[in-house]
Amino acid sequence: MRRTFIAAWVFLLLLTPSLIHAQPAAPPACQGRDLLGALKSNDPKAFADIRDAADAIPNGRALLWRIERQGRPASFLFGTIHSTDERVHKFSPAVKSAFNAANRVALELSELASDNPGEAMAKAKNINKLAVYTSGAGLAGHLSKAELEALGRALGTVGVPPNAVPAFRPWFAWAALAMPTCENRRGAAGLAFLDQRIGRDALKAGKRVIGLETIDDQVGALAGLPEATQVFLLRTTLAIMDSSVDQWEVLHRQYLARDLGVILPFTLHLIQRAGFDTSLFGRFERDLIDRRNITMRNAALPLLQEGNAFIAVGALHLPGKAGLVDLFRAAGYTVTAVE
C-alpha cells in the first residue's frame, strides 16, 4: 500500500506555480468516473482479485492512528491525500481533536506550510542536473515516437514548451504526469492541497511545523531510482493516462472510505491490462517508498518521545509491513486505529 505515486504528487504541486499561468478563479474539482465500481459489475473476478490483494495488506483500513507509550503523552499519525478536493478537507471530529491538542505538527516537508513552496523547490540542490539530460538522446532514447508525442501533449497542458520535453529525465517527466490537469489547474489557482492546509492551519494556531524529510531527500530518492525503473514508471503512466481523471476519482473514493489497500492493486490491474509486466514495482517500492518510510520514522521518533505531536504524511505511507504504523510499533509504541 505504501507503493504509491504520492511522492511525485508533492513535487508536481511544488513545481506547479512555475508551470501554469495563475488562473483568475479556482477551476471546479475534477469530475471522474468510479472505475472500481464499474469493474465490480463488469469484471467480478478482477475485482475479487483486487479485493483479496487489498485485504492482505496490514493497516490499510484507517487514516488516523493513536501512538502511545507509557509515561508519554499520546501523539497521532494521520494519512493525507495531496489533493485540493473539498471532500478530503472536511475533517472528522476525531481528526480535529487530535490536531487541536498537538503542540507540534510534522509534515513530509516543512515547506508545505509556506505560502510559496515553489521557491523552496527551486533551491533544491542540483535540481537542474538531476531533472534534465545535458547530453545524449534524452527521452527519445527511451520512449517511442508516439509515447514522446503523447508526453509532449500532456505536458503542454501545464505550459511546458514542446522542445523542452525530450530533455526531461524520466522521473521528472513522470512526476509531471502524476496528477490530472484539472487538479494541476486548481493548485495553480492558489487552492491548497490537504498537507498545505494542515501546515498553514498549524502555523496560524501557533504550532511548530516540522519536516520529516527535506526537498533534497525527496528529489534524491526519485532521481536515484534506477533509470530502467524511471522509464517503466513513465511509460506505464503514459499508457493509462487517458483515464487519469477516473483514477483520481477512485483514489478519492477509497481515501474517504478509509479503504487504502485497494489503491495499489487497482493501479497494477490497469497497468497489466495495458500490457506491462509489473515486476519492476518491487524495486520502486524498496528504493523509494520503504526507504523514505525509514527516514520519516527516524525523524518522527524524537517527536513521539516528547508526545503531543500530530504527524501528517501521505496516507499510503501508513499501511503494510514496512509502513509507518508497523515501524512505530517496532520502535516500542502502541499504535491503535482511531478511524
C-alpha atoms as a PDB file:
ATOM      1  CA  MET A   1       0.000   0.000   0.000  1.00  0.00           C
ATOM      2  CA  ARG A   2       2.874   2.337   0.602  1.00  0.00           C
ATOM      3  CA  ARG A   3       3.778   1.783  -3.050  1.00  0.00           C
ATOM      4  CA  THR A   4       2.300   4.935  -4.435  1.00  0.00           C
ATOM      5  CA  PHE A   5       2.612   7.979  -6.637  1.00  0.00           C
ATOM      6  CA  ILE A   6       2.301  10.256  -3.611  1.00  0.00           C
ATOM      7  CA  ALA A   7       5.896  11.488  -3.621  1.00  0.00           C
ATOM      8  CA  ALA A   8       5.554  12.600  -7.209  1.00  0.00           C
ATOM      9  CA  TRP A   9       2.339  14.491  -6.440  1.00  0.00           C
ATOM     10  CA  VAL A  10       4.216  16.554  -3.881  1.00  0.00           C
ATOM     11  CA  PHE A  11       6.805  17.538  -6.429  1.00  0.00           C
ATOM     12  CA  LEU A  12       4.315  18.384  -9.095  1.00  0.00           C
ATOM     13  CA  LEU A  13       2.485  20.738  -6.773  1.00  0.00           C
ATOM     14  CA  LEU A  14       5.713  22.362  -5.701  1.00  0.00           C
ATOM     15  CA  LEU A  15       6.503  22.960  -9.355  1.00  0.00           C
ATOM     16  CA  THR A  16       3.005  23.899 -10.457  1.00  0.00           C
ATOM     17  CA  PRO A  17       3.263  27.664  -9.833  1.00  0.00           C
ATOM     18  CA  SER A  18       6.108  27.872 -12.320  1.00  0.00           C
ATOM     19  CA  LEU A  19       4.464  25.633 -14.905  1.00  0.00           C
ATOM     20  CA  ILE A  20       0.968  27.046 -15.163  1.00  0.00           C
ATOM     21  CA  HIS A  21      -0.220  30.602 -15.512  1.00  0.00           C
ATOM     22  CA  ALA A  22      -2.280  31.626 -12.488  1.00  0.00           C
ATOM     23  CA  GLN A  23      -5.993  31.261 -13.046  1.00  0.00           C
ATOM     24  CA  PRO A  24      -8.388  34.171 -12.373  1.00  0.00           C
ATOM     25  CA  ALA A  25     -10.741  31.878 -10.455  1.00  0.00           C
ATOM     26  CA  ALA A  26     -10.468  28.413  -9.000  1.00  0.00           C
ATOM     27  CA  PRO A  27     -11.492  25.751 -11.528  1.00  0.00           C
ATOM     28  CA  PRO A  28     -14.015  23.139 -10.411  1.00  0.00           C
ATOM     29  CA  ALA A  29     -12.853  19.919  -8.834  1.00  0.00           C
ATOM     30  CA  CYS A  30     -12.046  17.035 -11.134  1.00  0.00           C
ATOM     31  CA  GLN A  31     -15.078  15.013 -12.193  1.00  0.00           C
ATOM     32  CA  GLY A  32     -14.221  11.377 -12.849  1.00  0.00           C
ATOM     33  CA  ARG A  33     -15.979   8.047 -13.124  1.00  0.00           C
ATOM     34  CA  ASP A  34     -15.808   5.317 -10.483  1.00  0.00           C
ATOM     35  CA  LEU A  35     -13.796   2.776 -12.481  1.00  0.00           C
ATOM     36  CA  LEU A  36     -13.504   0.449  -9.497  1.00  0.00           C
ATOM     37  CA  GLY A  37     -17.259   0.317  -9.022  1.00  0.00           C
ATOM     38  CA  ALA A  38     -17.672  -0.356 -12.733  1.00  0.00           C
ATOM     39  CA  LEU A  39     -15.093  -3.144 -12.534  1.00  0.00           C
ATOM     40  CA  LYS A  40     -17.102  -4.842  -9.798  1.00  0.00           C
ATOM     41  CA  SER A  41     -20.009  -5.099 -12.207  1.00  0.00           C
ATOM     42  CA  ASN A  42     -18.135  -5.692 -15.465  1.00  0.00           C
ATOM     43  CA  ASP A  43     -15.320  -7.986 -14.321  1.00  0.00           C
ATOM     44  CA  PRO A  44     -16.167  -9.581 -10.956  1.00  0.00           C
ATOM     45  CA  LYS A  45     -13.088 -11.826 -10.993  1.00  0.00           C
ATOM     46  CA  ALA A  46     -10.684  -8.894 -11.470  1.00  0.00           C
ATOM     47  CA  PHE A  47     -12.482  -7.001  -8.716  1.00  0.00           C
ATOM     48  CA  ALA A  48     -12.266 -10.015  -6.393  1.00  0.00           C
ATOM     49  CA  ASP A  49      -8.530 -10.331  -7.066  1.00  0.00           C
ATOM     50  CA  ILE A  50      -8.040  -6.644  -6.227  1.00  0.00           C
ATOM     51  CA  ARG A  51     -10.120  -7.040  -3.071  1.00  0.00           C
ATOM     52  CA  ASP A  52      -8.117 -10.082  -1.961  1.00  0.00           C
ATOM     53  CA  ALA A  53      -4.820  -8.281  -2.512  1.00  0.00           C
ATOM     54  CA  ALA A  54      -6.093  -5.240  -0.622  1.00  0.00           C
ATOM     55  CA  ASP A  55      -7.306  -7.277   2.339  1.00  0.00           C
ATOM     56  CA  ALA A  56      -3.877  -8.908   2.662  1.00  0.00           C
ATOM     57  CA  ILE A  57      -2.192  -5.534   3.324  1.00  0.00           C
ATOM     58  CA  PRO A  58      -1.865  -4.776   7.051  1.00  0.00           C
ATOM     59  CA  ASN A  59      -3.134  -1.497   8.497  1.00  0.00           C
ATOM     60  CA  GLY A  60      -5.000  -0.486   5.356  1.00  0.00           C
ATOM     61  CA  ARG A  61      -8.351   0.438   6.916  1.00  0.00           C
ATOM     62  CA  ALA A  62      -7.702   3.641   8.861  1.00  0.00           C
ATOM     63  CA  LEU A  63      -6.371   7.153   8.372  1.00  0.00           C
ATOM     64  CA  LEU A  64      -5.975   8.285  11.980  1.00  0.00           C
ATOM     65  CA  TRP A  65      -3.826   6.331  14.461  1.00  0.00           C
ATOM     66  CA  ARG A  66      -3.100   6.958  18.140  1.00  0.00           C
ATOM     67  CA  ILE A  67       0.550   6.439  19.146  1.00  0.00           C
ATOM     68  CA  GLU A  68       1.253   5.754  22.827  1.00  0.00           C
ATOM     69  CA  ARG A  69       3.961   4.672  25.218  1.00  0.00           C
ATOM     70  CA  GLN A  70       3.704   4.533  28.988  1.00  0.00           C
ATOM     71  CA  GLY A  71       4.714   7.794  30.606  1.00  0.00           C
ATOM     72  CA  ARG A  72       4.464   9.813  27.398  1.00  0.00           C
ATOM     73  CA  PRO A  73       1.585  11.977  26.123  1.00  0.00           C
ATOM     74  CA  ALA A  74      -0.118  10.414  23.108  1.00  0.00           C
ATOM     75  CA  SER A  75       0.624  11.532  19.565  1.00  0.00           C
ATOM     76  CA  PHE A  76      -1.335  10.918  16.373  1.00  0.00           C
ATOM     77  CA  LEU A  77      -0.487   9.744  12.868  1.00  0.00           C
ATOM     78  CA  PHE A  78      -2.793  10.972  10.107  1.00  0.00           C
ATOM     79  CA  GLY A  79      -2.784   9.887   6.470  1.00  0.00           C
ATOM     80  CA  THR A  80      -3.262  12.710   3.998  1.00  0.00           C
ATOM     81  CA  ILE A  81      -4.059  12.910   0.328  1.00  0.00           C
ATOM     82  CA  HIS A  82      -2.234  15.524  -1.726  1.00  0.00           C
ATOM     83  CA  SER A  83      -5.414  16.995  -3.186  1.00  0.00           C
ATOM     84  CA  THR A  84      -7.374  20.242  -3.285  1.00  0.00           C
ATOM     85  CA  ASP A  85     -10.711  18.419  -3.489  1.00  0.00           C
ATOM     86  CA  GLU A  86     -13.102  19.850  -0.878  1.00  0.00           C
ATOM     87  CA  ARG A  87     -14.301  16.370   0.086  1.00  0.00           C
ATOM     88  CA  VAL A  88     -10.996  15.469   1.719  1.00  0.00           C
ATOM     89  CA  HIS A  89     -10.701  18.803   3.563  1.00  0.00           C
ATOM     90  CA  LYS A  90     -13.688  18.044   5.795  1.00  0.00           C
ATOM     91  CA  PHE A  91     -12.107  16.736   8.979  1.00  0.00           C
ATOM     92  CA  SER A  92     -13.932  14.397  11.318  1.00  0.00           C
ATOM     93  CA  PRO A  93     -14.291  15.389  14.997  1.00  0.00           C
ATOM     94  CA  ALA A  94     -11.558  12.886  15.912  1.00  0.00           C
ATOM     95  CA  VAL A  95      -9.072  14.400  13.456  1.00  0.00           C
ATOM     96  CA  LYS A  96      -9.923  17.937  14.606  1.00  0.00           C
ATOM     97  CA  SER A  97      -9.429  16.935  18.242  1.00  0.00           C
ATOM     98  CA  ALA A  98      -6.054  15.297  17.561  1.00  0.00           C
ATOM     99  CA  PHE A  99      -4.840  18.290  15.564  1.00  0.00           C
ATOM    100  CA  ASN A 100      -6.042  20.854  18.094  1.00  0.00           C
ATOM    101  CA  ALA A 101      -4.388  19.062  21.012  1.00  0.00           C
ATOM    102  CA  ALA A 102      -0.983  18.881  19.345  1.00  0.00           C
ATOM    103  CA  ASN A 103       1.720  21.435  20.007  1.00  0.00           C
ATOM    104  CA  ARG A 104       3.791  20.298  17.026  1.00  0.00           C
ATOM    105  CA  VAL A 105       2.770  19.245  13.532  1.00  0.00           C
ATOM    106  CA  ALA A 106       5.045  17.152  11.333  1.00  0.00           C
ATOM    107  CA  LEU A 107       4.635  17.029   7.548  1.00  0.00           C
ATOM    108  CA  GLU A 108       6.669  15.266   4.907  1.00  0.00           C
ATOM    109  CA  LEU A 109       8.162  18.680   4.069  1.00  0.00           C
ATOM    110  CA  SER A 110       8.034  21.714   6.331  1.00  0.00           C
ATOM    111  CA  GLU A 111       7.986  23.892   3.186  1.00  0.00           C
ATOM    112  CA  LEU A 112       4.422  22.757   2.536  1.00  0.00           C
ATOM    113  CA  ALA A 113       3.259  25.220   5.176  1.00  0.00           C
ATOM    114  CA  SER A 114       4.756  28.077   3.163  1.00  0.00           C
ATOM    115  CA  ASP A 115       2.621  30.365   1.018  1.00  0.00           C
ATOM    116  CA  ASN A 116       5.093  29.824  -1.829  1.00  0.00           C
ATOM    117  CA  PRO A 117       6.605  26.323  -1.664  1.00  0.00           C
ATOM    118  CA  GLY A 118       7.748  26.634  -5.282  1.00  0.00           C
ATOM    119  CA  GLU A 119      10.514  28.976  -4.153  1.00  0.00           C
ATOM    120  CA  ALA A 120      11.909  26.307  -1.858  1.00  0.00           C
ATOM    121  CA  MET A 121      11.693  23.705  -4.616  1.00  0.00           C
ATOM    122  CA  ALA A 122      13.718  25.929  -6.932  1.00  0.00           C
ATOM    123  CA  LYS A 123      16.518  25.975  -4.336  1.00  0.00           C
ATOM    124  CA  ALA A 124      16.833  22.206  -4.193  1.00  0.00           C
ATOM    125  CA  LYS A 125      20.433  21.139  -4.588  1.00  0.00           C
ATOM    126  CA  ASN A 126      21.395  20.079  -8.126  1.00  0.00           C
ATOM    127  CA  ILE A 127      17.750  20.093  -9.241  1.00  0.00           C
ATOM    128  CA  ASN A 128      18.638  21.126 -12.806  1.00  0.00           C
ATOM    129  CA  LYS A 129      21.298  18.453 -13.084  1.00  0.00           C
ATOM    130  CA  LEU A 130      19.011  15.768 -11.693  1.00  0.00           C
ATOM    131  CA  ALA A 131      15.890  16.765 -13.632  1.00  0.00           C
ATOM    132  CA  VAL A 132      17.218  17.093 -17.189  1.00  0.00           C
ATOM    133  CA  TYR A 133      19.652  15.456 -19.541  1.00  0.00           C
ATOM    134  CA  THR A 134      22.576  17.621 -20.560  1.00  0.00           C
ATOM    135  CA  SER A 135      23.762  15.345 -23.377  1.00  0.00           C
ATOM    136  CA  GLY A 136      22.720  12.331 -25.402  1.00  0.00           C
ATOM    137  CA  ALA A 137      19.357  11.422 -26.869  1.00  0.00           C
ATOM    138  CA  GLY A 138      17.384  12.165 -23.711  1.00  0.00           C
ATOM    139  CA  LEU A 139      13.881  10.730 -23.540  1.00  0.00           C
ATOM    140  CA  ALA A 140      13.983   9.973 -27.249  1.00  0.00           C
ATOM    141  CA  GLY A 141      16.329   7.136 -26.357  1.00  0.00           C
ATOM    142  CA  HIS A 142      13.749   5.573 -24.037  1.00  0.00           C
ATOM    143  CA  LEU A 143      10.308   6.298 -25.491  1.00  0.00           C
ATOM    144  CA  SER A 144       8.720   5.532 -28.810  1.00  0.00           C
ATOM    145  CA  LYS A 145       7.851   8.422 -31.087  1.00  0.00           C
ATOM    146  CA  ALA A 146       4.164   8.010 -30.183  1.00  0.00           C
ATOM    147  CA  GLU A 147       4.960   7.993 -26.451  1.00  0.00           C
ATOM    148  CA  LEU A 148       7.141  11.086 -26.763  1.00  0.00           C
ATOM    149  CA  GLU A 149       4.414  12.919 -28.674  1.00  0.00           C
ATOM    150  CA  ALA A 150       1.813  11.918 -26.073  1.00  0.00           C
ATOM    151  CA  LEU A 151       4.096  13.173 -23.307  1.00  0.00           C
ATOM    152  CA  GLY A 152       4.586  16.465 -25.129  1.00  0.00           C
ATOM    153  CA  ARG A 153       0.835  16.959 -25.481  1.00  0.00           C
ATOM    154  CA  ALA A 154       0.244  16.166 -21.820  1.00  0.00           C
ATOM    155  CA  LEU A 155       2.944  18.487 -20.532  1.00  0.00           C
ATOM    156  CA  GLY A 156       1.807  21.181 -22.921  1.00  0.00           C
ATOM    157  CA  THR A 157      -1.373  21.457 -20.861  1.00  0.00           C
ATOM    158  CA  VAL A 158       0.740  22.667 -17.936  1.00  0.00           C
ATOM    159  CA  GLY A 159       2.715  25.130 -20.013  1.00  0.00           C
ATOM    160  CA  VAL A 160       5.840  23.096 -20.809  1.00  0.00           C
ATOM    161  CA  PRO A 161       7.257  24.057 -24.253  1.00  0.00           C
ATOM    162  CA  PRO A 162       7.372  21.060 -26.616  1.00  0.00           C
ATOM    163  CA  ASN A 163      11.091  21.457 -27.285  1.00  0.00           C
ATOM    164  CA  ALA A 164      11.852  21.140 -23.555  1.00  0.00           C
ATOM    165  CA  VAL A 165      10.168  17.778 -23.054  1.00  0.00           C
ATOM    166  CA  PRO A 166      12.823  15.441 -24.557  1.00  0.00           C
ATOM    167  CA  ALA A 167      15.413  16.824 -22.141  1.00  0.00           C
ATOM    168  CA  PHE A 168      13.459  15.783 -19.032  1.00  0.00           C
ATOM    169  CA  ARG A 169      14.762  12.785 -17.159  1.00  0.00           C
ATOM    170  CA  PRO A 170      12.172  10.021 -16.815  1.00  0.00           C
ATOM    171  CA  TRP A 171      11.480  10.571 -13.093  1.00  0.00           C
ATOM    172  CA  PHE A 172      10.852  14.271 -13.654  1.00  0.00           C
ATOM    173  CA  ALA A 173       8.512  13.689 -16.593  1.00  0.00           C
ATOM    174  CA  TRP A 174       6.693  11.024 -14.579  1.00  0.00           C
ATOM    175  CA  ALA A 175       6.255  13.422 -11.670  1.00  0.00           C
ATOM    176  CA  ALA A 176       4.743  15.985 -14.015  1.00  0.00           C
ATOM    177  CA  LEU A 177       2.113  13.429 -15.096  1.00  0.00           C
ATOM    178  CA  ALA A 178       1.251  12.304 -11.593  1.00  0.00           C
ATOM    179  CA  MET A 179      -1.987  14.293 -11.326  1.00  0.00           C
ATOM    180  CA  PRO A 180      -4.659  15.139 -13.895  1.00  0.00           C
ATOM    181  CA  THR A 181      -4.614  18.569 -15.498  1.00  0.00           C
ATOM    182  CA  CYS A 182      -7.820  19.575 -13.723  1.00  0.00           C
ATOM    183  CA  GLU A 183      -6.106  19.178 -10.347  1.00  0.00           C
ATOM    184  CA  ASN A 184      -2.943  20.955 -11.505  1.00  0.00           C
ATOM    185  CA  ARG A 185      -5.007  23.959 -12.510  1.00  0.00           C
ATOM    186  CA  ARG A 186      -6.633  24.139  -9.089  1.00  0.00           C
ATOM    187  CA  GLY A 187      -3.217  24.229  -7.483  1.00  0.00           C
ATOM    188  CA  ALA A 188      -2.094  26.927  -9.900  1.00  0.00           C
ATOM    189  CA  ALA A 189      -5.156  28.965  -8.965  1.00  0.00           C
ATOM    190  CA  GLY A 190      -3.936  29.034  -5.378  1.00  0.00           C
ATOM    191  CA  LEU A 191      -6.027  26.275  -3.812  1.00  0.00           C
ATOM    192  CA  ALA A 192      -4.080  24.446  -1.120  1.00  0.00           C
ATOM    193  CA  PHE A 193      -3.878  20.684  -1.102  1.00  0.00           C
ATOM    194  CA  LEU A 194      -4.546  18.927   2.167  1.00  0.00           C
ATOM    195  CA  ASP A 195      -0.988  18.835   3.502  1.00  0.00           C
ATOM    196  CA  GLN A 196      -0.539  22.523   2.749  1.00  0.00           C
ATOM    197  CA  ARG A 197      -3.806  23.325   4.503  1.00  0.00           C
ATOM    198  CA  ILE A 198      -2.715  21.380   7.604  1.00  0.00           C
ATOM    199  CA  GLY A 199       0.654  23.138   7.683  1.00  0.00           C
ATOM    200  CA  ARG A 200      -0.815  26.592   7.250  1.00  0.00           C
ATOM    201  CA  ASP A 201      -3.501  25.963   9.864  1.00  0.00           C
ATOM    202  CA  ALA A 202      -0.790  24.802  12.254  1.00  0.00           C
ATOM    203  CA  LEU A 203       1.215  27.995  11.803  1.00  0.00           C
ATOM    204  CA  LYS A 204      -1.889  30.138  12.303  1.00  0.00           C
ATOM    205  CA  ALA A 205      -2.581  28.276  15.553  1.00  0.00           C
ATOM    206  CA  GLY A 206       0.944  28.925  16.805  1.00  0.00           C
ATOM    207  CA  LYS A 207       2.083  25.326  16.432  1.00  0.00           C
ATOM    208  CA  ARG A 208       5.594  24.416  15.374  1.00  0.00           C
ATOM    209  CA  VAL A 209       5.767  22.791  11.910  1.00  0.00           C
ATOM    210  CA  ILE A 210       8.470  20.197  11.350  1.00  0.00           C
ATOM    211  CA  GLY A 211       9.557  18.428   8.168  1.00  0.00           C
ATOM    212  CA  LEU A 212      10.290  14.702   8.337  1.00  0.00           C
ATOM    213  CA  GLU A 213      12.210  14.938   5.071  1.00  0.00           C
ATOM    214  CA  THR A 214      13.951  17.631   3.061  1.00  0.00           C
ATOM    215  CA  ILE A 215      13.302  18.573  -0.540  1.00  0.00           C
ATOM    216  CA  ASP A 216      16.772  17.290  -1.365  1.00  0.00           C
ATOM    217  CA  ASP A 217      15.830  13.959   0.254  1.00  0.00           C
ATOM    218  CA  GLN A 218      12.767  13.594  -1.924  1.00  0.00           C
ATOM    219  CA  VAL A 219      14.414  14.769  -5.142  1.00  0.00           C
ATOM    220  CA  GLY A 220      17.343  12.465  -4.474  1.00  0.00           C
ATOM    221  CA  ALA A 221      15.061   9.499  -3.832  1.00  0.00           C
ATOM    222  CA  LEU A 222      13.253   9.968  -7.131  1.00  0.00           C
ATOM    223  CA  ALA A 223      16.336  10.828  -9.175  1.00  0.00           C
ATOM    224  CA  GLY A 224      18.191   7.926  -7.566  1.00  0.00           C
ATOM    225  CA  LEU A 225      15.811   5.290  -8.886  1.00  0.00           C
ATOM    226  CA  PRO A 226      17.471   3.059 -11.499  1.00  0.00           C
ATOM    227  CA  GLU A 227      16.838   4.522 -14.923  1.00  0.00           C
ATOM    228  CA  ALA A 228      15.031   1.371 -16.035  1.00  0.00           C
ATOM    229  CA  THR A 229      12.571   1.838 -13.156  1.00  0.00           C
ATOM    230  CA  GLN A 230      12.101   5.509 -14.008  1.00  0.00           C
ATOM    231  CA  VAL A 231      11.371   4.652 -17.636  1.00  0.00           C
ATOM    232  CA  PHE A 232       8.952   1.914 -16.589  1.00  0.00           C
ATOM    233  CA  LEU A 233       7.019   4.322 -14.355  1.00  0.00           C
ATOM    234  CA  LEU A 234       6.857   6.921 -17.115  1.00  0.00           C
ATOM    235  CA  ARG A 235       5.813   4.512 -19.851  1.00  0.00           C
ATOM    236  CA  THR A 236       3.110   2.848 -17.757  1.00  0.00           C
ATOM    237  CA  THR A 237       1.745   6.238 -16.683  1.00  0.00           C
ATOM    238  CA  LEU A 238       1.580   7.327 -20.315  1.00  0.00           C
ATOM    239  CA  ALA A 239      -0.212   4.089 -21.194  1.00  0.00           C
ATOM    240  CA  ILE A 240      -3.055   4.674 -18.717  1.00  0.00           C
ATOM    241  CA  MET A 241      -3.049   8.472 -18.876  1.00  0.00           C
ATOM    242  CA  ASP A 242      -6.394   8.664 -20.704  1.00  0.00           C
ATOM    243  CA  SER A 243      -8.120   7.517 -17.522  1.00  0.00           C
ATOM    244  CA  SER A 244      -6.178   9.787 -15.156  1.00  0.00           C
ATOM    245  CA  VAL A 245      -9.246  11.742 -14.024  1.00  0.00           C
ATOM    246  CA  ASP A 246     -11.094   8.494 -13.344  1.00  0.00           C
ATOM    247  CA  GLN A 247      -8.105   7.102 -11.432  1.00  0.00           C
ATOM    248  CA  TRP A 248      -8.105  10.315  -9.376  1.00  0.00           C
ATOM    249  CA  GLU A 249     -11.764   9.729  -8.529  1.00  0.00           C
ATOM    250  CA  VAL A 250     -11.081   6.153  -7.436  1.00  0.00           C
ATOM    251  CA  LEU A 251      -8.260   7.385  -5.212  1.00  0.00           C
ATOM    252  CA  HIS A 252     -10.546   9.903  -3.524  1.00  0.00           C
ATOM    253  CA  ARG A 253     -13.390   7.444  -3.031  1.00  0.00           C
ATOM    254  CA  GLN A 254     -11.104   4.871  -1.433  1.00  0.00           C
ATOM    255  CA  TYR A 255      -9.464   7.510   0.750  1.00  0.00           C
ATOM    256  CA  LEU A 256     -12.817   8.747   2.005  1.00  0.00           C
ATOM    257  CA  ALA A 257     -13.883   5.150   2.647  1.00  0.00           C
ATOM    258  CA  ARG A 258     -10.673   4.501   4.636  1.00  0.00           C
ATOM    259  CA  ASP A 259     -10.020   1.611   2.239  1.00  0.00           C
ATOM    260  CA  LEU A 260      -6.442   2.375   1.260  1.00  0.00           C
ATOM    261  CA  GLY A 261      -5.373  -1.164   0.453  1.00  0.00           C
ATOM    262  CA  VAL A 262      -7.305  -1.177  -2.808  1.00  0.00           C
ATOM    263  CA  ILE A 263      -5.357   1.608  -4.494  1.00  0.00           C
ATOM    264  CA  LEU A 264      -2.169  -0.211  -5.452  1.00  0.00           C
ATOM    265  CA  PRO A 265      -3.801  -3.462  -6.652  1.00  0.00           C
ATOM    266  CA  PHE A 266      -6.232  -1.401  -8.726  1.00  0.00           C
ATOM    267  CA  THR A 267      -3.368   0.572 -10.300  1.00  0.00           C
ATOM    268  CA  LEU A 268      -1.467  -2.624 -11.044  1.00  0.00           C
ATOM    269  CA  HIS A 269      -4.604  -4.019 -12.674  1.00  0.00           C
ATOM    270  CA  LEU A 270      -4.722  -1.046 -15.037  1.00  0.00           C
ATOM    271  CA  ILE A 271      -1.034  -1.392 -15.874  1.00  0.00           C
ATOM    272  CA  GLN A 272      -1.308  -5.129 -16.508  1.00  0.00           C
ATOM    273  CA  ARG A 273      -4.353  -4.524 -18.688  1.00  0.00           C
ATOM    274  CA  ALA A 274      -2.220  -2.094 -20.715  1.00  0.00           C
ATOM    275  CA  GLY A 275       0.223  -4.922 -21.424  1.00  0.00           C
ATOM    276  CA  PHE A 276       3.036  -4.235 -18.951  1.00  0.00           C
ATOM    277  CA  ASP A 277       4.902  -6.568 -16.609  1.00  0.00           C
ATOM    278  CA  THR A 278       4.551  -5.066 -13.131  1.00  0.00           C
ATOM    279  CA  SER A 279       7.576  -6.776 -11.559  1.00  0.00           C
ATOM    280  CA  LEU A 280       9.591  -3.529 -11.527  1.00  0.00           C
ATOM    281  CA  PHE A 281       7.190  -2.127  -8.928  1.00  0.00           C
ATOM    282  CA  GLY A 282       9.059  -4.147  -6.307  1.00  0.00           C
ATOM    283  CA  ARG A 283      12.239  -2.171  -6.981  1.00  0.00           C
ATOM    284  CA  PHE A 284      10.246   1.071  -6.916  1.00  0.00           C
ATOM    285  CA  GLU A 285       8.749   0.130  -3.548  1.00  0.00           C
ATOM    286  CA  ARG A 286      12.061  -0.772  -1.958  1.00  0.00           C
ATOM    287  CA  ASP A 287      14.173   2.074  -3.336  1.00  0.00           C
ATOM    288  CA  LEU A 288      11.667   4.895  -2.972  1.00  0.00           C
ATOM    289  CA  ILE A 289       8.844   4.163  -0.558  1.00  0.00           C
ATOM    290  CA  ASP A 290      10.291   1.803   2.052  1.00  0.00           C
ATOM    291  CA  ARG A 291      13.498   3.787   2.460  1.00  0.00           C
ATOM    292  CA  ARG A 292      11.565   7.024   2.793  1.00  0.00           C
ATOM    293  CA  ASN A 293       9.424   5.434   5.475  1.00  0.00           C
ATOM    294  CA  ILE A 294      12.568   4.670   7.470  1.00  0.00           C
ATOM    295  CA  THR A 295      13.717   8.281   7.102  1.00  0.00           C
ATOM    296  CA  MET A 296      10.351   9.606   8.248  1.00  0.00           C
ATOM    297  CA  ARG A 297      10.201   7.129  11.144  1.00  0.00           C
ATOM    298  CA  ASN A 298      13.631   8.199  12.365  1.00  0.00           C
ATOM    299  CA  ALA A 299      12.733  11.883  12.163  1.00  0.00           C
ATOM    300  CA  ALA A 300       9.432  11.301  13.983  1.00  0.00           C
ATOM    301  CA  LEU A 301      10.782   9.296  16.940  1.00  0.00           C
ATOM    302  CA  PRO A 302      12.052  12.357  18.900  1.00  0.00           C
ATOM    303  CA  LEU A 303       8.595  13.912  18.483  1.00  0.00           C
ATOM    304  CA  LEU A 304       6.935  10.772  19.823  1.00  0.00           C
ATOM    305  CA  GLN A 305       9.332  10.722  22.744  1.00  0.00           C
ATOM    306  CA  GLU A 306       8.018  14.140  23.815  1.00  0.00           C
ATOM    307  CA  GLY A 307       4.415  13.407  22.805  1.00  0.00           C
ATOM    308  CA  ASN A 308       1.567  15.702  21.728  1.00  0.00           C
ATOM    309  CA  ALA A 309       2.622  15.549  18.070  1.00  0.00           C
ATOM    310  CA  PHE A 310       0.352  15.397  15.025  1.00  0.00           C
ATOM    311  CA  ILE A 311       2.162  13.626  12.178  1.00  0.00           C
ATOM    312  CA  ALA A 312       0.532  14.076   8.771  1.00  0.00           C
ATOM    313  CA  VAL A 313       2.016  12.255   5.777  1.00  0.00           C
ATOM    314  CA  GLY A 314       0.672  10.716   2.602  1.00  0.00           C
ATOM    315  CA  ALA A 315      -1.814   8.020   3.562  1.00  0.00           C
ATOM    316  CA  LEU A 316      -0.095   5.355   1.529  1.00  0.00           C
ATOM    317  CA  HIS A 317       2.982   5.614   3.750  1.00  0.00           C
ATOM    318  CA  LEU A 318       0.971   4.143   6.638  1.00  0.00           C
ATOM    319  CA  PRO A 319      -0.080   0.570   5.702  1.00  0.00           C
ATOM    320  CA  GLY A 320       1.965  -2.520   5.018  1.00  0.00           C
ATOM    321  CA  LYS A 321       4.709  -4.350   6.872  1.00  0.00           C
ATOM    322  CA  ALA A 322       7.180  -1.567   6.009  1.00  0.00           C
ATOM    323  CA  GLY A 323       4.655   1.226   6.592  1.00  0.00           C
ATOM    324  CA  LEU A 324       4.858   3.774   9.367  1.00  0.00           C
ATOM    325  CA  VAL A 325       2.230   2.102  11.567  1.00  0.00           C
ATOM    326  CA  ASP A 326       4.289  -1.081  11.912  1.00  0.00           C
ATOM    327  CA  LEU A 327       7.572   0.842  12.038  1.00  0.00           C
ATOM    328  CA  PHE A 328       6.341   2.790  15.067  1.00  0.00           C
ATOM    329  CA  ARG A 329       5.166  -0.441  16.681  1.00  0.00           C
ATOM    330  CA  ALA A 330       8.586  -1.970  16.120  1.00  0.00           C
ATOM    331  CA  ALA A 331      10.072   1.060  17.894  1.00  0.00           C
ATOM    332  CA  GLY A 332       8.133   0.162  21.034  1.00  0.00           C
ATOM    333  CA  TYR A 333       4.943   2.195  20.663  1.00  0.00           C
ATOM    334  CA  THR A 334       1.346   1.049  20.852  1.00  0.00           C
ATOM    335  CA  VAL A 335      -0.339   2.200  17.643  1.00  0.00           C
ATOM    336  CA  THR A 336      -4.108   1.918  17.544  1.00  0.00           C
ATOM    337  CA  ALA A 337      -6.530   2.745  14.749  1.00  0.00           C
ATOM    338  CA  VAL A 338      -8.921   5.576  15.614  1.00  0.00           C
ATOM    339  CA  GLU A 339     -10.775   5.834  12.314  1.00  0.00           C
END
